[in-house]
Each structure stands twice: as C-alpha cells, then as structure tokens.
Amino acid sequence: MLLTATDTVKFVVRIDKFLQNSFMFTDEEGKRKNLSEIEYALLMTGPIMNDIFNNLLDILELRWGEILSNGTAEQ
C-alpha cells in the first residue's frame, strides 16, 4: 500500500499531536482510559480539526450542551 503525500502529512500530524500529549489514551500510570466513542473521536481528530478551524472544540462543546439540554427538556 502506497501512501499519498496527503496521507503522509495526516499521519505525521497525528504523530505530532500524540507526542504533544502522550496521555491521551492512558493515565500517567499507563492504565487505559475508559473512553466513549465520541471522546476517542475527539481525541484523535480534535487537535487536527482545531488547527484547521481554530475553535472546533468550543463549537462542539456548545452544540453538545444544546443537544443535552434539549434532550432533558423534552423528557
């Protein structure tokens, strides 16, 4: 399988983001964190998307809060 230049850049960016925060998926003792699917997705893509869109995590947190408040208001 050959990687394109774009794939290579994406891979390098992911490694760079992981090296900046090596405790993304484990605690400081090396035990795995029990992450939900959305937490895992945000950890993997959030820093890269945040570099691109600058405030993605703020938008997601605000939108997630709206969804949660709407869901509890309907019950």
PDB file of N, CA and C in Angstrom:
ATOM      1  N   MET A   1       0.841  -1.176   0.000  1.00  0.00           N
ATOM      2  CA  MET A   1       0.000   0.000   0.000  1.00  0.00           C
ATOM      3  C   MET A   1       0.886   1.239   0.000  1.00  0.00           C
ATOM      4  N   LEU A   2       0.714   2.067  -0.991  1.00  0.00           N
ATOM      5  CA  LEU A   2       1.481   3.301  -1.086  1.00  0.00           C
ATOM      6  C   LEU A   2       0.696   4.452  -0.483  1.00  0.00           C
ATOM      7  N   LEU A   3       1.392   5.267   0.274  1.00  0.00           N
ATOM      8  CA  LEU A   3       0.764   6.442   0.858  1.00  0.00           C
ATOM      9  C   LEU A   3       0.922   7.629  -0.073  1.00  0.00           C
ATOM     10  N   THR A   4      -0.131   8.391  -0.197  1.00  0.00           N
ATOM     11  CA  THR A   4      -0.034   9.630  -0.963  1.00  0.00           C
ATOM     12  C   THR A   4       0.617  10.684  -0.077  1.00  0.00           C
ATOM     13  N   ALA A   5       0.969  11.789  -0.664  1.00  0.00           N
ATOM     14  CA  ALA A   5       1.576  12.877   0.109  1.00  0.00           C
ATOM     15  C   ALA A   5       0.609  13.374   1.178  1.00  0.00           C
ATOM     16  N   THR A   6      -0.670  13.447   0.842  1.00  0.00           N
ATOM     17  CA  THR A   6      -1.673  13.900   1.806  1.00  0.00           C
ATOM     18  C   THR A   6      -1.781  12.937   2.977  1.00  0.00           C
ATOM     19  N   ASP A   7      -1.791  11.635   2.688  1.00  0.00           N
ATOM     20  CA  ASP A   7      -1.851  10.633   3.754  1.00  0.00           C
ATOM     21  C   ASP A   7      -0.639  10.724   4.671  1.00  0.00           C
ATOM     22  N   THR A   8       0.514  10.947   4.082  1.00  0.00           N
ATOM     23  CA  THR A   8       1.745  11.060   4.865  1.00  0.00           C
ATOM     24  C   THR A   8       1.680  12.260   5.793  1.00  0.00           C
ATOM     25  N   VAL A   9       1.209  13.386   5.286  1.00  0.00           N
ATOM     26  CA  VAL A   9       1.091  14.595   6.109  1.00  0.00           C
ATOM     27  C   VAL A   9       0.109  14.355   7.248  1.00  0.00           C
ATOM     28  N   LYS A  10      -1.037  13.733   6.958  1.00  0.00           N
ATOM     29  CA  LYS A  10      -2.020  13.440   8.004  1.00  0.00           C
ATOM     30  C   LYS A  10      -1.411  12.548   9.083  1.00  0.00           C
ATOM     31  N   PHE A  11      -0.664  11.548   8.667  1.00  0.00           N
ATOM     32  CA  PHE A  11      -0.037  10.623   9.606  1.00  0.00           C
ATOM     33  C   PHE A  11       0.976  11.349  10.484  1.00  0.00           C
ATOM     34  N   VAL A  12       1.801  12.186   9.888  1.00  0.00           N
ATOM     35  CA  VAL A  12       2.815  12.932  10.642  1.00  0.00           C
ATOM     36  C   VAL A  12       2.150  13.886  11.620  1.00  0.00           C
ATOM     37  N   VAL A  13       1.068  14.535  11.199  1.00  0.00           N
ATOM     38  CA  VAL A  13       0.356  15.455  12.088  1.00  0.00           C
ATOM     39  C   VAL A  13      -0.226  14.697  13.272  1.00  0.00           C
ATOM     40  N   ARG A  14      -0.781  13.511  13.040  1.00  0.00           N
ATOM     41  CA  ARG A  14      -1.333  12.718  14.143  1.00  0.00           C
ATOM     42  C   ARG A  14      -0.245  12.310  15.126  1.00  0.00           C
ATOM     43  N   ILE A  15       0.894  11.887  14.616  1.00  0.00           N
ATOM     44  CA  ILE A  15       2.005  11.513  15.496  1.00  0.00           C
ATOM     45  C   ILE A  15       2.460  12.720  16.295  1.00  0.00           C
ATOM     46  N   ASP A  16       2.566  13.867  15.650  1.00  0.00           N
ATOM     47  CA  ASP A  16       2.990  15.087  16.321  1.00  0.00           C
ATOM     48  C   ASP A  16       2.015  15.458  17.435  1.00  0.00           C
ATOM     49  N   LYS A  17       0.724  15.369  17.164  1.00  0.00           N
ATOM     50  CA  LYS A  17      -0.279  15.687  18.182  1.00  0.00           C
ATOM     51  C   LYS A  17      -0.208  14.697  19.337  1.00  0.00           C
ATOM     52  N   PHE A  18       0.023  13.422  19.031  1.00  0.00           N
ATOM     53  CA  PHE A  18       0.139  12.413  20.082  1.00  0.00           C
ATOM     54  C   PHE A  18       1.365  12.678  20.947  1.00  0.00           C
ATOM     55  N   LEU A  19       2.471  13.084  20.335  1.00  0.00           N
ATOM     56  CA  LEU A  19       3.687  13.350  21.102  1.00  0.00           C
ATOM     57  C   LEU A  19       3.527  14.565  22.004  1.00  0.00           C
ATOM     58  N   GLN A  20       2.686  15.516  21.605  1.00  0.00           N
ATOM     59  CA  GLN A  20       2.436  16.677  22.456  1.00  0.00           C
ATOM     60  C   GLN A  20       1.672  16.283  23.716  1.00  0.00           C
ATOM     61  N   ASN A  21       0.819  15.270  23.619  1.00  0.00           N
ATOM     62  CA  ASN A  21       0.043  14.807  24.765  1.00  0.00           C
ATOM     63  C   ASN A  21       0.049  13.284  24.771  1.00  0.00           C
ATOM     64  N   SER A  22       1.049  12.701  25.375  1.00  0.00           N
ATOM     65  CA  SER A  22       1.186  11.244  25.345  1.00  0.00           C
ATOM     66  C   SER A  22       0.204  10.534  26.269  1.00  0.00           C
ATOM     67  N   PHE A  23      -0.538  11.276  27.082  1.00  0.00           N
ATOM     68  CA  PHE A  23      -1.515  10.675  27.986  1.00  0.00           C
ATOM     69  C   PHE A  23      -2.937  10.823  27.457  1.00  0.00           C
ATOM     70  N   MET A  24      -3.076  10.848  26.124  1.00  0.00           N
ATOM     71  CA  MET A  24      -4.405  10.967  25.533  1.00  0.00           C
ATOM     72  C   MET A  24      -5.242   9.727  25.813  1.00  0.00           C
ATOM     73  N   PHE A  25      -4.642   8.550  25.748  1.00  0.00           N
ATOM     74  CA  PHE A  25      -5.385   7.300  25.851  1.00  0.00           C
ATOM     75  C   PHE A  25      -5.071   6.505  27.106  1.00  0.00           C
ATOM     76  N   THR A  26      -4.052   6.924  27.851  1.00  0.00           N
ATOM     77  CA  THR A  26      -3.698   6.247  29.099  1.00  0.00           C
ATOM     78  C   THR A  26      -3.519   7.281  30.196  1.00  0.00           C
ATOM     79  N   ASP A  27      -3.619   6.835  31.431  1.00  0.00           N
ATOM     80  CA  ASP A  27      -3.309   7.746  32.523  1.00  0.00           C
ATOM     81  C   ASP A  27      -1.796   7.751  32.739  1.00  0.00           C
ATOM     82  N   GLU A  28      -1.340   8.488  33.721  1.00  0.00           N
ATOM     83  CA  GLU A  28       0.101   8.631  33.936  1.00  0.00           C
ATOM     84  C   GLU A  28       0.757   7.341  34.415  1.00  0.00           C
ATOM     85  N   GLU A  29      -0.044   6.391  34.875  1.00  0.00           N
ATOM     86  CA  GLU A  29       0.496   5.096  35.299  1.00  0.00           C
ATOM     87  C   GLU A  29       0.486   4.080  34.164  1.00  0.00           C
ATOM     88  N   GLY A  30      -0.034   4.461  33.012  1.00  0.00           N
ATOM     89  CA  GLY A  30      -0.067   3.562  31.865  1.00  0.00           C
ATOM     90  C   GLY A  30      -1.341   2.754  31.718  1.00  0.00           C
ATOM     91  N   LYS A  31      -2.303   2.984  32.602  1.00  0.00           N
ATOM     92  CA  LYS A  31      -3.578   2.262  32.504  1.00  0.00           C
ATOM     93  C   LYS A  31      -4.464   2.933  31.453  1.00  0.00           C
ATOM     94  N   ARG A  32      -5.165   2.093  30.672  1.00  0.00           N
ATOM     95  CA  ARG A  32      -6.034   2.628  29.625  1.00  0.00           C
ATOM     96  C   ARG A  32      -7.179   3.428  30.224  1.00  0.00           C
ATOM     97  N   LYS A  33      -7.491   4.568  29.594  1.00  0.00           N
ATOM     98  CA  LYS A  33      -8.666   5.335  29.984  1.00  0.00           C
ATOM     99  C   LYS A  33      -9.891   4.671  29.373  1.00  0.00           C
ATOM    100  N   ASN A  34     -10.993   4.719  30.069  1.00  0.00           N
ATOM    101  CA  ASN A  34     -12.236   4.148  29.567  1.00  0.00           C
ATOM    102  C   ASN A  34     -12.978   5.239  28.794  1.00  0.00           C
ATOM    103  N   LEU A  35     -12.659   5.367  27.506  1.00  0.00           N
ATOM    104  CA  LEU A  35     -13.206   6.442  26.688  1.00  0.00           C
ATOM    105  C   LEU A  35     -14.431   5.977  25.917  1.00  0.00           C
ATOM    106  N   SER A  36     -15.398   6.886  25.784  1.00  0.00           N
ATOM    107  CA  SER A  36     -16.536   6.604  24.913  1.00  0.00           C
ATOM    108  C   SER A  36     -16.093   6.820  23.462  1.00  0.00           C
ATOM    109  N   GLU A  37     -16.947   6.437  22.532  1.00  0.00           N
ATOM    110  CA  GLU A  37     -16.606   6.593  21.120  1.00  0.00           C
ATOM    111  C   GLU A  37     -16.389   8.056  20.756  1.00  0.00           C
ATOM    112  N   ILE A  38     -17.242   8.939  21.282  1.00  0.00           N
ATOM    113  CA  ILE A  38     -17.124  10.363  20.947  1.00  0.00           C
ATOM    114  C   ILE A  38     -15.856  10.946  21.563  1.00  0.00           C
ATOM    115  N   GLU A  39     -15.505  10.523  22.768  1.00  0.00           N
ATOM    116  CA  GLU A  39     -14.272  11.008  23.388  1.00  0.00           C
ATOM    117  C   GLU A  39     -13.057  10.560  22.580  1.00  0.00           C
ATOM    118  N   TYR A  40     -13.072   9.310  22.136  1.00  0.00           N
ATOM    119  CA  TYR A  40     -11.974   8.789  21.322  1.00  0.00           C
ATOM    120  C   TYR A  40     -11.866   9.569  20.012  1.00  0.00           C
ATOM    121  N   ALA A  41     -13.004   9.784  19.358  1.00  0.00           N
ATOM    122  CA  ALA A  41     -13.001  10.519  18.085  1.00  0.00           C
ATOM    123  C   ALA A  41     -12.496  11.940  18.275  1.00  0.00           C
ATOM    124  N   LEU A  42     -12.921  12.591  19.343  1.00  0.00           N
ATOM    125  CA  LEU A  42     -12.460  13.958  19.596  1.00  0.00           C
ATOM    126  C   LEU A  42     -10.971  13.997  19.911  1.00  0.00           C
ATOM    127  N   LEU A  43     -10.486  13.008  20.652  1.00  0.00           N
ATOM    128  CA  LEU A  43      -9.053  12.973  20.943  1.00  0.00           C
ATOM    129  C   LEU A  43      -8.228  12.759  19.677  1.00  0.00           C
ATOM    130  N   MET A  44      -8.728  11.923  18.775  1.00  0.00           N
ATOM    131  CA  MET A  44      -7.984  11.628  17.548  1.00  0.00           C
ATOM    132  C   MET A  44      -8.043  12.769  16.542  1.00  0.00           C
ATOM    133  N   THR A  45      -9.210  13.359  16.384  1.00  0.00           N
ATOM    134  CA  THR A  45      -9.381  14.357  15.321  1.00  0.00           C
ATOM    135  C   THR A  45      -9.454  15.781  15.835  1.00  0.00           C
ATOM    136  N   GLY A  46      -9.777  15.943  17.099  1.00  0.00           N
ATOM    137  CA  GLY A  46      -9.967  17.279  17.652  1.00  0.00           C
ATOM    138  C   GLY A  46      -8.791  18.223  17.477  1.00  0.00           C
ATOM    139  N   PRO A  47      -7.577  17.825  17.865  1.00  0.00           N
ATOM    140  CA  PRO A  47      -6.445  18.742  17.721  1.00  0.00           C
ATOM    141  C   PRO A  47      -6.170  19.139  16.270  1.00  0.00           C
ATOM    142  N   ILE A  48      -6.318  18.181  15.360  1.00  0.00           N
ATOM    143  CA  ILE A  48      -6.086  18.487  13.949  1.00  0.00           C
ATOM    144  C   ILE A  48      -7.171  19.418  13.436  1.00  0.00           C
ATOM    145  N   MET A  49      -8.427  19.094  13.755  1.00  0.00           N
ATOM    146  CA  MET A  49      -9.542  19.942  13.326  1.00  0.00           C
ATOM    147  C   MET A  49      -9.451  21.316  13.976  1.00  0.00           C
ATOM    148  N   ASN A  50      -8.989  21.359  15.216  1.00  0.00           N
ATOM    149  CA  ASN A  50      -8.858  22.638  15.904  1.00  0.00           C
ATOM    150  C   ASN A  50      -7.810  23.515  15.224  1.00  0.00           C
ATOM    151  N   ASP A  51      -6.733  22.889  14.724  1.00  0.00           N
ATOM    152  CA  ASP A  51      -5.741  23.653  13.971  1.00  0.00           C
ATOM    153  C   ASP A  51      -6.345  24.219  12.694  1.00  0.00           C
ATOM    154  N   ILE A  52      -7.221  23.443  12.067  1.00  0.00           N
ATOM    155  CA  ILE A  52      -7.824  23.879  10.811  1.00  0.00           C
ATOM    156  C   ILE A  52      -8.896  24.933  11.058  1.00  0.00           C
ATOM    157  N   PHE A  53      -9.800  24.668  11.991  1.00  0.00           N
ATOM    158  CA  PHE A  53     -10.946  25.551  12.205  1.00  0.00           C
ATOM    159  C   PHE A  53     -10.796  26.461  13.413  1.00  0.00           C
ATOM    160  N   ASN A  54      -9.745  26.317  14.157  1.00  0.00           N
ATOM    161  CA  ASN A  54      -9.359  27.163  15.277  1.00  0.00           C
ATOM    162  C   ASN A  54     -10.246  27.042  16.509  1.00  0.00           C
ATOM    163  N   ASN A  55     -11.536  26.859  16.373  1.00  0.00           N
ATOM    164  CA  ASN A  55     -12.400  26.797  17.553  1.00  0.00           C
ATOM    165  C   ASN A  55     -13.370  25.629  17.502  1.00  0.00           C
ATOM    166  N   LEU A  56     -12.988  24.562  16.851  1.00  0.00           N
ATOM    167  CA  LEU A  56     -13.876  23.409  16.682  1.00  0.00           C
ATOM    168  C   LEU A  56     -14.343  22.838  18.013  1.00  0.00           C
ATOM    169  N   LEU A  57     -13.435  22.668  18.954  1.00  0.00           N
ATOM    170  CA  LEU A  57     -13.823  22.058  20.226  1.00  0.00           C
ATOM    171  C   LEU A  57     -14.817  22.929  20.976  1.00  0.00           C
ATOM    172  N   ASP A  58     -14.657  24.250  20.903  1.00  0.00           N
ATOM    173  CA  ASP A  58     -15.621  25.141  21.541  1.00  0.00           C
ATOM    174  C   ASP A  58     -16.994  24.992  20.902  1.00  0.00           C
ATOM    175  N   ILE A  59     -17.028  24.911  19.574  1.00  0.00           N
ATOM    176  CA  ILE A  59     -18.297  24.746  18.866  1.00  0.00           C
ATOM    177  C   ILE A  59     -18.937  23.417  19.236  1.00  0.00           C
ATOM    178  N   LEU A  60     -18.143  22.338  19.256  1.00  0.00           N
ATOM    179  CA  LEU A  60     -18.680  21.023  19.609  1.00  0.00           C
ATOM    180  C   LEU A  60     -19.212  20.997  21.032  1.00  0.00           C
ATOM    181  N   GLU A  61     -18.487  21.601  21.961  1.00  0.00           N
ATOM    182  CA  GLU A  61     -18.941  21.608  23.347  1.00  0.00           C
ATOM    183  C   GLU A  61     -20.230  22.399  23.480  1.00  0.00           C
ATOM    184  N   LEU A  62     -20.326  23.534  22.799  1.00  0.00           N
ATOM    185  CA  LEU A  62     -21.552  24.322  22.842  1.00  0.00           C
ATOM    186  C   LEU A  62     -22.708  23.545  22.229  1.00  0.00           C
ATOM    187  N   ARG A  63     -22.476  22.941  21.074  1.00  0.00           N
ATOM    188  CA  ARG A  63     -23.527  22.175  20.399  1.00  0.00           C
ATOM    189  C   ARG A  63     -23.923  20.966  21.246  1.00  0.00           C
ATOM    190  N   TRP A  64     -22.964  20.283  21.850  1.00  0.00           N
ATOM    191  CA  TRP A  64     -23.262  19.124  22.683  1.00  0.00           C
ATOM    192  C   TRP A  64     -24.106  19.555  23.878  1.00  0.00           C
ATOM    193  N   GLY A  65     -23.805  20.721  24.444  1.00  0.00           N
ATOM    194  CA  GLY A  65     -24.608  21.248  25.547  1.00  0.00           C
ATOM    195  C   GLY A  65     -26.036  21.526  25.125  1.00  0.00           C
ATOM    196  N   GLU A  66     -26.218  22.051  23.905  1.00  0.00           N
ATOM    197  CA  GLU A  66     -27.567  22.302  23.393  1.00  0.00           C
ATOM    198  C   GLU A  66     -28.332  20.998  23.244  1.00  0.00           C
ATOM    199  N   ILE A  67     -27.676  19.985  22.701  1.00  0.00           N
ATOM    200  CA  ILE A  67     -28.331  18.691  22.496  1.00  0.00           C
ATOM    201  C   ILE A  67     -28.731  18.089  23.840  1.00  0.00           C
ATOM    202  N   LEU A  68     -27.831  18.158  24.805  1.00  0.00           N
ATOM    203  CA  LEU A  68     -28.139  17.603  26.123  1.00  0.00           C
ATOM    204  C   LEU A  68     -29.284  18.353  26.785  1.00  0.00           C
ATOM    205  N   SER A  69     -29.266  19.687  26.702  1.00  0.00           N
ATOM    206  CA  SER A  69     -30.330  20.454  27.351  1.00  0.00           C
ATOM    207  C   SER A  69     -31.665  20.242  26.642  1.00  0.00           C
ATOM    208  N   ASN A  70     -31.657  20.114  25.321  1.00  0.00           N
ATOM    209  CA  ASN A  70     -32.896  19.841  24.590  1.00  0.00           C
ATOM    210  C   ASN A  70     -33.422  18.456  24.923  1.00  0.00           C
ATOM    211  N   GLY A  71     -32.534  17.498  25.043  1.00  0.00           N
ATOM    212  CA  GLY A  71     -32.943  16.131  25.362  1.00  0.00           C
ATOM    213  C   GLY A  71     -33.558  16.017  26.740  1.00  0.00           C
ATOM    214  N   THR A  72     -32.999  16.728  27.703  1.00  0.00           N
ATOM    215  CA  THR A  72     -33.550  16.654  29.055  1.00  0.00           C
ATOM    216  C   THR A  72     -34.811  17.491  29.176  1.00  0.00           C
ATOM    217  N   ALA A  73     -34.934  18.546  28.374  1.00  0.00           N
ATOM    218  CA  ALA A  73     -36.128  19.384  28.418  1.00  0.00           C
ATOM    219  C   ALA A  73     -37.339  18.644  27.861  1.00  0.00           C
ATOM    220  N   GLU A  74     -37.098  17.748  26.892  1.00  0.00           N
ATOM    221  CA  GLU A  74     -38.199  17.012  26.273  1.00  0.00           C
ATOM    222  C   GLU A  74     -38.738  15.912  27.171  1.00  0.00           C
ATOM    223  N   GLN A  75     -37.946  15.466  28.128  1.00  0.00           N
ATOM    224  CA  GLN A  75     -38.381  14.344  28.977  1.00  0.00           C
ATOM    225  C   GLN A  75     -39.345  14.758  30.009  1.00  0.00           C
TER     226      GLN A  75
END
